[in-house]
Each structure stands twice: as C-alpha cells, then as structure tokens.
Amino acid sequence: MSVRFWEPGKEYLRIEDEVIAAMREVLSKGDLVMRQQMLDFEHNLAAFVGTTDAIGVSNCTDGLRLLLEAVGIGPGDEVITVSHTFMATMAVIHHVGATPVLVDVGDDHNMNVDLVEAAITPRTKAVMPVHLNGRLVQMDRLMEIAKKHDLLVIEDTAQALGGAYLGVRGGAWGLAGAFSFYPAKLLGAYGDAGAVVTSDASLAAKLRELRDHGRVSKTGFSGWGWNCRLDNLQAAVLDLKLKKVPEWIGQRRRLATIYDEELADVGAIKRPPAPDGGANFDIYQNYVIEAERRDELAAHLAAKGIETLVSPGPVPNHKQPVGLDHPTPDRQARVRHRSCIGRVGIRVAAHPRHLGPDQARPRRPRHLRGPARGHERTRVSHVQVPDHGHERGPNRRSEHAGRRSPPDQNRPLPAAVQARRIAAAGQRAQGRHELCRPATTGARR
C-alpha cells in the first residue's frame, strides 16, 4: 500500500483537457501580462469570497507585504499575530520595519482571541489573524477588540479559501485578506500565485498601483512600487479551478468525517474539530492530529508507505534565529505553553481518492468500529473536542447496544496500533475511485 501525501500530477490529469484549453487560449491570443483572464479571475474570486475587489499578486507573501505598506504600517509600529504559522506571516511584518508581537494559540491551533487585548500597546496598529488549516479564527470577538482599540484587521487567509465563520468567509471579515495559490493549496496554480481581497475601494486602487511599479497609467506613476503581478497564464488556470472549489471542499469534508469517525476510539491521538456544524465551516486544507509519540508514529506510517508531514517542525518559529523571541518575560510567556504543538502535531493526508457526492463510505466491520464522537468525548476527558452542538452519539446508539465496553481509552495505544488505525482510515478514504485533490501541506506562501 502507498498513500502519498500529495500527488499534483494526478490532480492535473483529471482536468488536463480543460487546463490545456485554457492555456492555449491565453497563449494563442498573446494575453500574457495583466489581461482579461486576470481581470475575470479577480472578479470571480471577489464574488466567491464576498468582497467587492480582488487584486491578483505574485504570491501571498507579497500580498500581505503590499497590504501593510498600503495602510502605512512601518518602523515603530507593532502588529499582533501568532507564531504557529508559516514564517512568511511574521516576515512581512519585519520587512516593512514593524515588529511582530506574538500571542498564543488555542486548542484548534488558531489565535487565542482572549489573549489579544493583553498584547496591545500604544504602538499596536493592526492584528493579523491566521486561519490555519482551513479553519477561521473567532472573528466576531476579534473584530470587537479591534474596533474598541481602533486597530486594523488584516487576515492571513493563505490556507482558508472557502472557510467561513458565522457564515462569513475568510478574507471578508477584516479590512483585507491575502490568499496563497501555491500549488499545494486547495486552489493551486502551476507555480507561485496569490491575491488580496477587500471591500475598500481606495485600498484596492493603492494595491493595484503597488503591485505594478506604482503605475496609474501606461506612462504615469503615483510613487514607488514593486513588480508583484499575477501571471496571466496562472490567472486563467486559477479561474478554471475556482469553479471546482465547492466540489473539492465537499470532498475534503467527507474525507475528514471518515478520519474523525474511524479514529474516534484512539485515545492517544487528538483529532481536529469535526465537520459537523457549529459556527465554523472548515475546509480541511490540512487534517492535523496530535500524538505524544509523534516521531515514532510517523516513522511507523512511513514504513507502511503512508506519507505524513510534521509541521512547522521541532523548533517553533519564535525560537528560530530571526529575533522573534522577545527578551521581555511577559512576551515570552504569551507563546510558551503551546510551543509544544511543533513537537506533537502531525499532518495526515485526508487521502485524495475521489468520493462522489452520493458515494457511500466503506465501513470497517462492526466489531472494529470506534464509538460515536459524543460517546467518546464523555468517556475520555483528556481528548479535547469542542462541542458544536451537533454531535452524532444518540444517532448511533443502536450500533453499541449489547456490545462489551471498549478497553480503557485513557491508556495510550502503542504506536503500531495507532498507525494501523490511521492506515485503515486512509484506506477507507481512498475507496476505489479516481484520485482527487488531497489535504495538502499548504506551507509555502
């Protein structure tokens, strides 16, 4: 058995004819730089997210940097964000001359909004929440805090295209948001690409100037700018793929449900929140589990041909040699207690076998199935699962009637047993169908 974490070639082959047709149209017309295909994609992306404008850029990192520059954030300013993200989030703050101020994350690996106010100083100008793994931050509360303290909210939505909180999609909550279309993303280009979305017309105009050397016309300039344009060929491909994003999100959520149910009785593994309703609508850019014996588990899975990804790695970003480990004790404390995520988190491919909208999931034999999430949560207090109010325990009660109680789940399972459970869930997710887009790394911006 071989379960690859990401197979871009297989995804391309599924839509090869459509991709080649789109590229042929661009190349045959000579539409190479900032032409109609890019404008069409920008229009369609803004409509999908729920903003009035989208500005195509070279990548998400450039998009975030241009945003900070456009709103006037620079030397002497502070921007509140998190360490548990890709380094680019903090790098763009540094590169405009401002200081990243880091707060801790919660159990869902996203910014702990309750810690934000304590990090605000007279120098704070903005908050940059990161919607990690396709799950949005608690944005209603964050927006209240930002309004109270007159702060800008700039969303790092690199991993969350289509994700929503309280019905509002990522990128539409704050002043603006930046997306990554790195090839491994849900919506991936065949190279680097990104976009910024906003409903502020003046900001959109400023970003369009900054991405193209500061030009306001063919020969006129408003000031200094950069070369951060979205390639027109990539825009044409992205516009084609954007139409498929709702279907791809549905596939990921069905695969996440398989993992969630099949791993319910593995007490030594902490699963991400389930796709079963509540305020969040997660797209599962990554399906991330936590395991105390992470390295042993990853090695065992690798020996079985199952690829995983450990991210961000054994050394958290704020411990890297880039000056983020602030010398003041209070700021160190803000990120100390969750830095262990880098040691216990592991990404498992919600494997890319296609599940059609009406495809029934293959099931393990009844005697091997785990308990429903609601039952498991009441028995195993150390597995922390948010209650979204839509648990499935009562609906599956008959499956457990008259069955012997499962073994004590507070006792960690051996890594080999954990690996077999993950492999079984992966095989369930594979099915016997055509390969589709996996839950991918999403690291590059």
Protein backbone atom coordinates (compact mmCIF):
# COMPACT_ATOMS: atom_id res chain seq x y z
CA MET A 1 0.00 0.00 0.00
CA SER A 2 1.21 3.51 -0.79
CA VAL A 3 -0.58 6.60 0.44
CA ARG A 4 1.08 9.73 -0.90
CA PHE A 5 0.58 12.99 0.97
CA TRP A 6 0.19 15.00 -2.22
CA GLU A 7 0.10 13.96 -5.88
CA PRO A 8 -0.08 17.06 -8.11
CA GLY A 9 0.35 15.05 -11.29
CA LYS A 10 -2.80 13.04 -10.62
CA GLU A 11 -4.81 16.20 -9.98
CA TYR A 12 -3.60 17.68 -13.27
CA LEU A 13 -4.50 14.57 -15.26
CA ARG A 14 -8.11 14.74 -14.05
CA ILE A 15 -8.56 18.18 -15.61
CA GLU A 16 -5.85 18.06 -18.28
CA ASP A 17 -8.10 18.81 -21.24
CA GLU A 18 -9.62 21.86 -19.56
CA VAL A 19 -6.25 23.20 -18.42
CA ILE A 20 -4.66 22.82 -21.85
CA ALA A 21 -7.63 24.53 -23.49
CA ALA A 22 -7.39 27.48 -21.09
CA MET A 23 -3.63 27.80 -21.63
CA ARG A 24 -3.99 27.51 -25.39
CA GLU A 25 -6.47 30.37 -25.43
CA VAL A 26 -4.11 32.60 -23.45
CA LEU A 27 -1.04 31.77 -25.49
CA SER A 28 -2.71 31.90 -28.90
CA LYS A 29 -4.04 35.39 -28.16
CA GLY A 30 -0.77 36.61 -26.69
CA ASP A 31 -2.54 37.57 -23.45
CA LEU A 32 0.49 37.27 -21.21
CA VAL A 33 0.52 40.08 -18.63
CA MET A 34 -2.47 41.62 -16.81
CA ARG A 35 -5.05 40.87 -19.48
CA GLN A 36 -8.73 39.91 -19.44
CA GLN A 37 -8.16 36.46 -17.96
CA MET A 38 -6.65 38.04 -14.84
CA LEU A 39 -9.50 40.55 -14.58
CA ASP A 40 -12.05 37.74 -14.91
CA PHE A 41 -10.37 35.75 -12.16
CA GLU A 42 -10.24 38.77 -9.86
CA HIS A 43 -13.94 39.42 -10.39
CA ASN A 44 -14.91 35.80 -9.77
CA LEU A 45 -12.67 35.45 -6.72
CA ALA A 46 -14.14 38.56 -5.08
CA ALA A 47 -17.64 37.23 -5.71
CA PHE A 48 -16.73 33.87 -4.19
CA VAL A 49 -15.22 35.39 -1.04
CA GLY A 50 -17.88 38.08 -0.64
CA THR A 51 -15.84 41.25 -1.17
CA THR A 52 -16.06 43.95 -3.80
CA ASP A 53 -12.47 43.67 -5.03
CA ALA A 54 -9.72 41.13 -5.56
CA ILE A 55 -6.20 42.03 -6.65
CA GLY A 56 -4.06 39.32 -8.19
CA VAL A 57 -0.45 39.28 -6.97
CA SER A 58 2.62 37.11 -7.37
CA ASN A 59 2.13 35.22 -4.09
CA CYS A 60 0.52 35.53 -0.65
CA THR A 61 3.71 36.84 0.97
CA ASP A 62 3.84 39.77 -1.45
CA GLY A 63 0.13 40.33 -0.95
CA LEU A 64 0.50 40.68 2.82
CA ARG A 65 3.55 42.92 2.45
CA LEU A 66 1.78 45.19 -0.02
CA LEU A 67 -1.20 45.38 2.34
CA LEU A 68 0.95 46.52 5.25
CA GLU A 69 2.69 49.07 3.08
CA ALA A 70 -0.58 50.34 1.61
CA VAL A 71 -2.09 51.04 5.05
CA GLY A 72 1.05 52.80 6.25
CA ILE A 73 2.42 50.29 8.75
CA GLY A 74 6.18 50.66 9.19
CA PRO A 75 9.04 51.32 11.61
CA GLY A 76 7.97 51.80 15.22
CA ASP A 77 4.63 50.02 14.72
CA GLU A 78 3.56 46.65 16.15
CA VAL A 79 1.35 44.01 14.57
CA ILE A 80 -0.16 41.25 16.71
CA THR A 81 -0.09 37.76 15.21
CA VAL A 82 0.87 34.18 16.11
CA SER A 83 3.98 32.04 15.95
CA HIS A 84 2.18 28.86 14.91
CA THR A 85 2.02 29.63 11.21
CA PHE A 86 4.37 29.71 8.24
CA MET A 87 7.29 32.11 8.76
CA ALA A 88 6.04 34.42 5.99
CA THR A 89 3.31 35.81 8.28
CA MET A 90 5.92 37.31 10.59
CA ALA A 91 8.43 38.04 7.82
CA VAL A 92 6.18 40.55 6.05
CA ILE A 93 5.74 42.49 9.30
CA HIS A 94 9.51 42.57 9.76
CA HIS A 95 10.19 43.59 6.15
CA VAL A 96 8.07 46.75 6.40
CA GLY A 97 10.03 47.72 9.50
CA ALA A 98 7.34 46.88 12.07
CA THR A 99 7.56 44.44 15.00
CA PRO A 100 5.63 41.16 15.17
CA VAL A 101 4.06 40.72 18.62
CA LEU A 102 3.13 37.10 19.18
CA VAL A 103 0.18 35.73 21.14
CA ASP A 104 -0.59 32.12 21.85
CA VAL A 105 -2.96 29.81 20.00
CA GLY A 106 -5.84 27.76 21.34
CA ASP A 107 -6.70 24.10 21.11
CA ASP A 108 -7.70 24.46 17.44
CA HIS A 109 -4.19 25.83 16.65
CA ASN A 110 -5.62 29.27 15.78
CA MET A 111 -5.09 32.59 17.55
CA ASN A 112 -6.45 32.64 21.10
CA VAL A 113 -8.51 35.82 20.82
CA ASP A 114 -8.80 36.11 24.60
CA LEU A 115 -5.08 36.95 24.76
CA VAL A 116 -5.09 39.77 22.21
CA GLU A 117 -6.02 42.71 24.44
CA ALA A 118 -3.15 41.99 26.82
CA ALA A 119 -0.73 42.30 23.89
CA ILE A 120 -1.95 45.76 22.77
CA THR A 121 0.36 48.71 23.38
CA PRO A 122 0.33 52.34 22.18
CA ARG A 123 2.44 51.14 19.22
CA THR A 124 -0.04 48.48 18.07
CA LYS A 125 -1.51 49.32 14.67
CA ALA A 126 -3.02 46.04 13.44
CA VAL A 127 -3.91 42.44 14.21
CA MET A 128 -3.10 39.71 11.68
CA PRO A 129 -5.10 36.53 12.44
CA VAL A 130 -4.01 33.38 10.64
CA HIS A 131 -6.78 31.00 9.56
CA LEU A 132 -4.69 27.84 9.86
CA ASN A 133 -5.52 24.51 8.23
CA GLY A 134 -8.71 25.90 6.66
CA ARG A 135 -10.35 26.90 9.96
CA LEU A 136 -11.18 30.53 10.76
CA VAL A 137 -10.28 32.37 13.94
CA GLN A 138 -13.12 33.53 16.24
CA MET A 139 -13.55 36.64 14.12
CA ASP A 140 -16.61 38.25 15.72
CA ARG A 141 -14.78 38.62 19.02
CA LEU A 142 -11.56 39.75 17.32
CA MET A 143 -13.41 42.42 15.35
CA GLU A 144 -14.96 43.73 18.59
CA ILE A 145 -11.50 44.06 20.14
CA ALA A 146 -10.08 45.75 17.04
CA LYS A 147 -12.92 48.26 16.93
CA LYS A 148 -12.55 49.02 20.64
CA HIS A 149 -8.83 49.80 20.24
CA ASP A 150 -9.01 51.31 16.72
CA LEU A 151 -6.88 48.59 15.13
CA LEU A 152 -6.79 47.31 11.57
CA VAL A 153 -7.53 43.62 10.95
CA ILE A 154 -5.57 42.05 8.09
CA GLU A 155 -6.37 38.38 7.56
CA ASP A 156 -3.79 35.79 6.58
CA THR A 157 -6.16 33.54 4.64
CA ALA A 158 -3.43 31.58 2.84
CA GLN A 159 -4.94 28.23 3.89
CA ALA A 160 -8.61 29.10 4.15
CA LEU A 161 -10.20 29.77 0.77
CA GLY A 162 -13.88 28.92 1.24
CA GLY A 163 -13.63 28.56 5.02
CA ALA A 164 -16.20 30.55 6.99
CA TYR A 165 -17.16 31.62 10.49
CA LEU A 166 -20.76 32.58 11.27
CA GLY A 167 -21.44 32.40 7.53
CA VAL A 168 -18.77 34.97 6.55
CA ARG A 169 -15.85 33.66 4.54
CA GLY A 170 -12.21 34.25 5.36
CA GLY A 171 -10.92 37.48 3.85
CA ALA A 172 -14.29 39.24 4.17
CA TRP A 173 -14.13 39.95 7.92
CA GLY A 174 -11.31 42.46 8.21
CA LEU A 175 -10.06 45.34 6.11
CA ALA A 176 -8.48 42.84 3.72
CA GLY A 177 -7.19 39.30 3.41
CA ALA A 178 -4.44 37.62 1.40
CA PHE A 179 -4.68 34.19 -0.27
CA SER A 180 -2.00 31.80 -1.41
CA PHE A 181 -2.36 29.79 -4.60
CA TYR A 182 0.83 27.84 -4.10
CA PRO A 183 0.41 24.51 -5.96
CA ALA A 184 -0.31 22.52 -2.78
CA LYS A 185 -3.28 24.69 -1.78
CA LEU A 186 -6.93 23.79 -2.29
CA LEU A 187 -6.90 26.25 -5.19
CA GLY A 188 -3.39 25.89 -6.54
CA ALA A 189 -1.61 27.40 -9.53
CA TYR A 190 1.13 25.68 -11.51
CA GLY A 191 3.71 27.88 -9.81
CA ASP A 192 3.51 30.75 -7.35
CA ALA A 193 0.43 32.97 -7.25
CA GLY A 194 -1.70 34.89 -4.76
CA ALA A 195 -4.40 37.50 -4.34
CA VAL A 196 -5.65 40.15 -1.93
CA VAL A 197 -9.36 40.71 -1.32
CA THR A 198 -11.00 43.81 0.16
CA SER A 199 -14.16 45.87 0.06
CA ASP A 200 -12.26 49.14 0.47
CA ALA A 201 -12.11 50.74 -2.99
CA SER A 202 -9.28 53.14 -2.18
CA LEU A 203 -7.17 50.35 -0.72
CA ALA A 204 -7.81 48.20 -3.80
CA ALA A 205 -6.64 51.03 -6.05
CA LYS A 206 -3.50 51.52 -3.98
CA LEU A 207 -2.69 47.81 -4.12
CA ARG A 208 -3.09 47.76 -7.90
CA GLU A 209 -0.56 50.59 -8.11
CA LEU A 210 1.91 48.98 -5.73
CA ARG A 211 1.87 45.60 -7.50
CA ASP A 212 2.81 47.24 -10.83
CA HIS A 213 5.70 49.60 -10.05
CA GLY A 214 3.35 52.32 -8.77
CA ARG A 215 1.81 52.86 -12.20
CA VAL A 216 -1.52 54.62 -12.57
CA SER A 217 -1.42 54.63 -16.38
CA LYS A 218 0.83 53.35 -19.15
CA THR A 219 3.36 56.11 -18.50
CA GLY A 220 2.21 57.65 -15.21
CA PHE A 221 3.30 56.71 -11.70
CA SER A 222 1.92 57.62 -8.27
CA GLY A 223 5.15 56.75 -6.46
CA TRP A 224 7.45 53.83 -5.82
CA GLY A 225 6.07 50.35 -6.28
CA TRP A 226 7.00 46.74 -6.87
CA ASN A 227 6.73 44.07 -9.55
CA CYS A 228 4.25 41.71 -7.86
CA ARG A 229 1.79 40.98 -10.66
CA LEU A 230 -0.19 37.78 -11.03
CA ASP A 231 0.90 35.94 -14.16
CA ASN A 232 -1.92 35.94 -16.70
CA LEU A 233 -1.45 32.28 -17.61
CA GLN A 234 -1.77 31.30 -13.95
CA ALA A 235 -4.85 33.50 -13.62
CA ALA A 236 -6.56 31.63 -16.45
CA VAL A 237 -5.89 28.27 -14.76
CA LEU A 238 -7.00 29.58 -11.37
CA ASP A 239 -10.24 30.90 -12.83
CA LEU A 240 -10.92 27.45 -14.29
CA LYS A 241 -10.18 25.71 -10.99
CA LEU A 242 -12.16 28.21 -8.91
CA LYS A 243 -15.36 26.79 -10.36
CA LYS A 244 -14.42 23.39 -8.89
CA VAL A 245 -13.57 24.64 -5.39
CA PRO A 246 -17.01 23.99 -3.82
CA GLU A 247 -16.86 20.37 -5.02
CA TRP A 248 -13.31 19.96 -3.72
CA ILE A 249 -14.28 21.39 -0.34
CA GLY A 250 -17.14 18.91 -0.11
CA GLN A 251 -14.76 16.04 -0.85
CA ARG A 252 -12.33 17.15 1.86
CA ARG A 253 -15.08 17.47 4.43
CA ARG A 254 -16.36 13.97 3.65
CA LEU A 255 -12.85 12.57 3.97
CA ALA A 256 -12.38 14.43 7.26
CA THR A 257 -15.58 12.81 8.53
CA ILE A 258 -14.15 9.37 7.72
CA TYR A 259 -10.97 10.08 9.70
CA ASP A 260 -12.97 11.60 12.53
CA GLU A 261 -15.20 8.57 12.96
CA GLU A 262 -12.60 5.88 12.30
CA LEU A 263 -10.11 7.39 14.79
CA ALA A 264 -12.70 8.12 17.47
CA ASP A 265 -11.53 5.32 19.73
CA VAL A 266 -7.81 6.08 19.53
CA GLY A 267 -7.41 7.95 22.81
CA ALA A 268 -3.71 8.70 22.31
CA ILE A 269 -4.50 10.86 19.28
CA LYS A 270 -6.18 14.23 19.38
CA ARG A 271 -8.23 14.96 16.27
CA PRO A 272 -9.16 18.35 14.81
CA PRO A 273 -12.72 19.67 15.23
CA ALA A 274 -15.23 17.61 13.26
CA PRO A 275 -17.13 18.93 10.21
CA ASP A 276 -20.45 18.61 11.97
CA GLY A 277 -21.83 22.13 12.15
CA GLY A 278 -21.38 24.97 14.60
CA ALA A 279 -20.05 28.45 13.93
CA ASN A 280 -17.10 27.24 11.83
CA PHE A 281 -17.20 25.84 8.32
CA ASP A 282 -13.78 24.21 7.90
CA ILE A 283 -12.31 23.29 4.52
CA TYR A 284 -9.55 20.99 5.87
CA GLN A 285 -6.60 22.33 3.93
CA ASN A 286 -4.80 20.02 6.34
CA TYR A 287 -6.12 17.26 8.61
CA VAL A 288 -3.85 17.64 11.65
CA ILE A 289 -3.67 15.22 14.54
CA GLU A 290 -1.60 15.45 17.73
CA ALA A 291 0.23 12.43 19.13
CA GLU A 292 2.59 12.32 22.08
CA ARG A 293 4.75 9.71 20.33
CA ARG A 294 4.69 11.68 17.13
CA ASP A 295 8.06 10.73 15.65
CA GLU A 296 7.59 7.04 16.36
CA LEU A 297 4.13 7.15 14.81
CA ALA A 298 5.37 9.00 11.71
CA ALA A 299 8.24 6.52 11.26
CA HIS A 300 5.89 3.55 11.53
CA LEU A 301 3.48 5.05 9.00
CA ALA A 302 6.38 5.77 6.63
CA ALA A 303 7.47 2.14 6.89
CA LYS A 304 3.98 1.19 5.73
CA GLY A 305 4.17 3.56 2.75
CA ILE A 306 1.99 6.26 4.30
CA GLU A 307 3.37 9.77 3.95
CA THR A 308 2.80 12.38 6.66
CA LEU A 309 4.16 15.85 7.30
CA VAL A 310 5.40 17.25 10.59
CA SER A 311 4.88 20.98 10.66
CA PRO A 312 6.07 23.57 11.50
CA GLY A 313 8.85 21.34 12.85
CA PRO A 314 10.69 20.62 16.08
CA VAL A 315 11.70 24.28 16.54
CA PRO A 316 8.81 26.79 16.75
CA ASN A 317 9.11 29.96 14.67
CA HIS A 318 9.64 32.19 17.70
CA LYS A 319 12.68 30.07 18.61
CA GLN A 320 14.26 30.38 15.16
CA PRO A 321 17.27 32.75 14.87
CA VAL A 322 15.25 35.66 13.44
CA GLY A 323 14.75 37.79 16.55
CA LEU A 324 11.18 36.79 17.38
CA ASP A 325 11.97 35.50 20.88
CA HIS A 326 11.35 38.86 22.55
CA PRO A 327 13.54 39.46 25.61
CA THR A 328 10.74 40.64 27.90
CA PRO A 329 9.38 37.86 30.15
CA ASP A 330 5.73 38.73 29.52
CA ARG A 331 6.05 38.36 25.77
CA GLN A 332 7.90 35.06 26.07
CA ALA A 333 5.08 33.77 28.25
CA ARG A 334 2.49 34.57 25.62
CA VAL A 335 3.74 31.85 23.32
CA ARG A 336 5.46 29.44 25.69
CA HIS A 337 2.83 26.91 26.69
CA ARG A 338 1.61 25.99 23.20
CA SER A 339 5.02 25.91 21.52
CA CYS A 340 4.87 22.13 22.04
CA ILE A 341 2.49 21.87 19.07
CA GLY A 342 5.60 21.75 16.90
CA ARG A 343 6.62 18.57 18.74
CA VAL A 344 3.33 16.66 18.79
CA GLY A 345 1.44 17.71 15.65
CA ILE A 346 1.44 15.56 12.53
CA ARG A 347 -0.42 16.09 9.26
CA VAL A 348 -2.11 13.06 7.74
CA ALA A 349 -3.34 13.03 4.16
CA ALA A 350 -7.13 13.01 4.12
CA HIS A 351 -6.34 10.82 1.22
CA PRO A 352 -7.14 12.05 -2.24
CA ARG A 353 -9.30 9.26 -3.63
CA HIS A 354 -12.40 10.76 -5.16
CA LEU A 355 -15.70 10.45 -3.35
CA GLY A 356 -18.67 11.47 -5.43
CA PRO A 357 -21.42 13.50 -3.77
CA ASP A 358 -23.57 10.39 -3.32
CA GLN A 359 -20.74 7.91 -2.74
CA ALA A 360 -21.33 5.73 0.31
CA ARG A 361 -18.33 5.36 2.58
CA PRO A 362 -16.93 1.87 3.02
CA ARG A 363 -17.09 0.89 6.69
CA ARG A 364 -14.93 -1.16 8.97
CA PRO A 365 -16.52 -4.37 10.27
CA ARG A 366 -18.90 -3.53 13.08
CA HIS A 367 -16.72 -5.04 15.80
CA LEU A 368 -13.78 -2.80 14.79
CA ARG A 369 -15.63 0.49 14.72
CA GLY A 370 -14.97 3.12 17.35
CA PRO A 371 -17.69 4.76 19.41
CA ALA A 372 -19.52 7.84 18.24
CA ARG A 373 -17.80 11.12 18.96
CA GLY A 374 -20.35 12.08 21.59
CA HIS A 375 -19.84 8.80 23.48
CA GLU A 376 -16.08 9.03 23.21
CA ARG A 377 -15.97 12.57 24.49
CA THR A 378 -17.82 11.74 27.70
CA ARG A 379 -15.56 8.78 28.46
CA VAL A 380 -12.17 10.26 27.60
CA SER A 381 -11.82 13.61 29.26
CA HIS A 382 -8.27 14.22 28.04
CA VAL A 383 -9.31 14.24 24.37
CA GLN A 384 -10.39 17.83 23.95
CA VAL A 385 -13.12 18.14 21.32
CA PRO A 386 -15.12 21.38 21.03
CA ASP A 387 -18.86 20.89 21.41
CA HIS A 388 -20.50 22.35 18.30
CA GLY A 389 -23.97 21.22 19.36
CA HIS A 390 -24.30 18.68 16.56
CA GLU A 391 -22.76 15.54 17.99
CA ARG A 392 -23.75 12.22 16.49
CA GLY A 393 -23.72 9.99 19.58
CA PRO A 394 -27.51 9.49 20.00
CA ASN A 395 -27.97 8.64 16.32
CA ARG A 396 -25.54 5.70 16.53
CA ARG A 397 -26.63 4.26 19.86
CA SER A 398 -28.01 1.09 18.29
CA GLU A 399 -24.56 0.21 16.97
CA HIS A 400 -23.29 -0.16 20.52
CA ALA A 401 -26.30 -1.89 22.09
CA GLY A 402 -25.41 -5.15 23.80
CA ARG A 403 -21.72 -4.80 23.00
CA ARG A 404 -18.95 -5.25 25.52
CA SER A 405 -17.50 -1.94 26.74
CA PRO A 406 -14.32 -0.94 24.86
CA PRO A 407 -10.97 -1.08 26.63
CA ASP A 408 -9.76 1.81 28.76
CA GLN A 409 -9.01 4.60 26.29
CA ASN A 410 -7.06 6.67 28.82
CA ARG A 411 -4.22 4.23 28.30
CA PRO A 412 -2.15 5.32 25.24
CA LEU A 413 -2.20 2.81 22.41
CA PRO A 414 1.12 1.54 21.01
CA ALA A 415 2.36 3.48 18.01
CA ALA A 416 1.87 0.43 15.79
CA VAL A 417 -1.79 0.24 16.76
CA GLN A 418 -2.24 3.97 16.19
CA ALA A 419 -0.63 3.58 12.79
CA ARG A 420 -2.93 0.72 11.84
CA ARG A 421 -5.96 2.82 12.77
CA ILE A 422 -4.72 5.74 10.68
CA ALA A 423 -3.89 3.43 7.79
CA ALA A 424 -7.34 1.87 7.98
CA ALA A 425 -8.95 5.30 7.90
CA GLY A 426 -6.75 6.23 4.96
CA GLN A 427 -7.82 3.14 3.07
CA ARG A 428 -11.47 3.96 3.81
CA ALA A 429 -10.87 7.45 2.40
CA GLN A 430 -9.12 6.13 -0.70
CA GLY A 431 -12.02 3.96 -1.80
CA ARG A 432 -11.58 2.58 -5.32
CA HIS A 433 -12.05 5.75 -7.26
CA GLU A 434 -10.18 8.37 -9.20
CA LEU A 435 -7.55 10.43 -7.42
CA CYS A 436 -8.59 13.93 -6.46
CA ARG A 437 -7.02 16.81 -4.60
CA PRO A 438 -5.63 15.82 -1.18
CA ALA A 439 -5.46 17.73 2.05
CA THR A 440 -2.04 19.20 1.36
CA THR A 441 0.86 20.85 3.10
CA GLY A 442 -0.11 24.44 2.47
CA ALA A 443 3.18 25.72 3.88
CA ARG A 444 4.55 27.86 1.08
CA ARG A 445 3.17 31.35 0.54
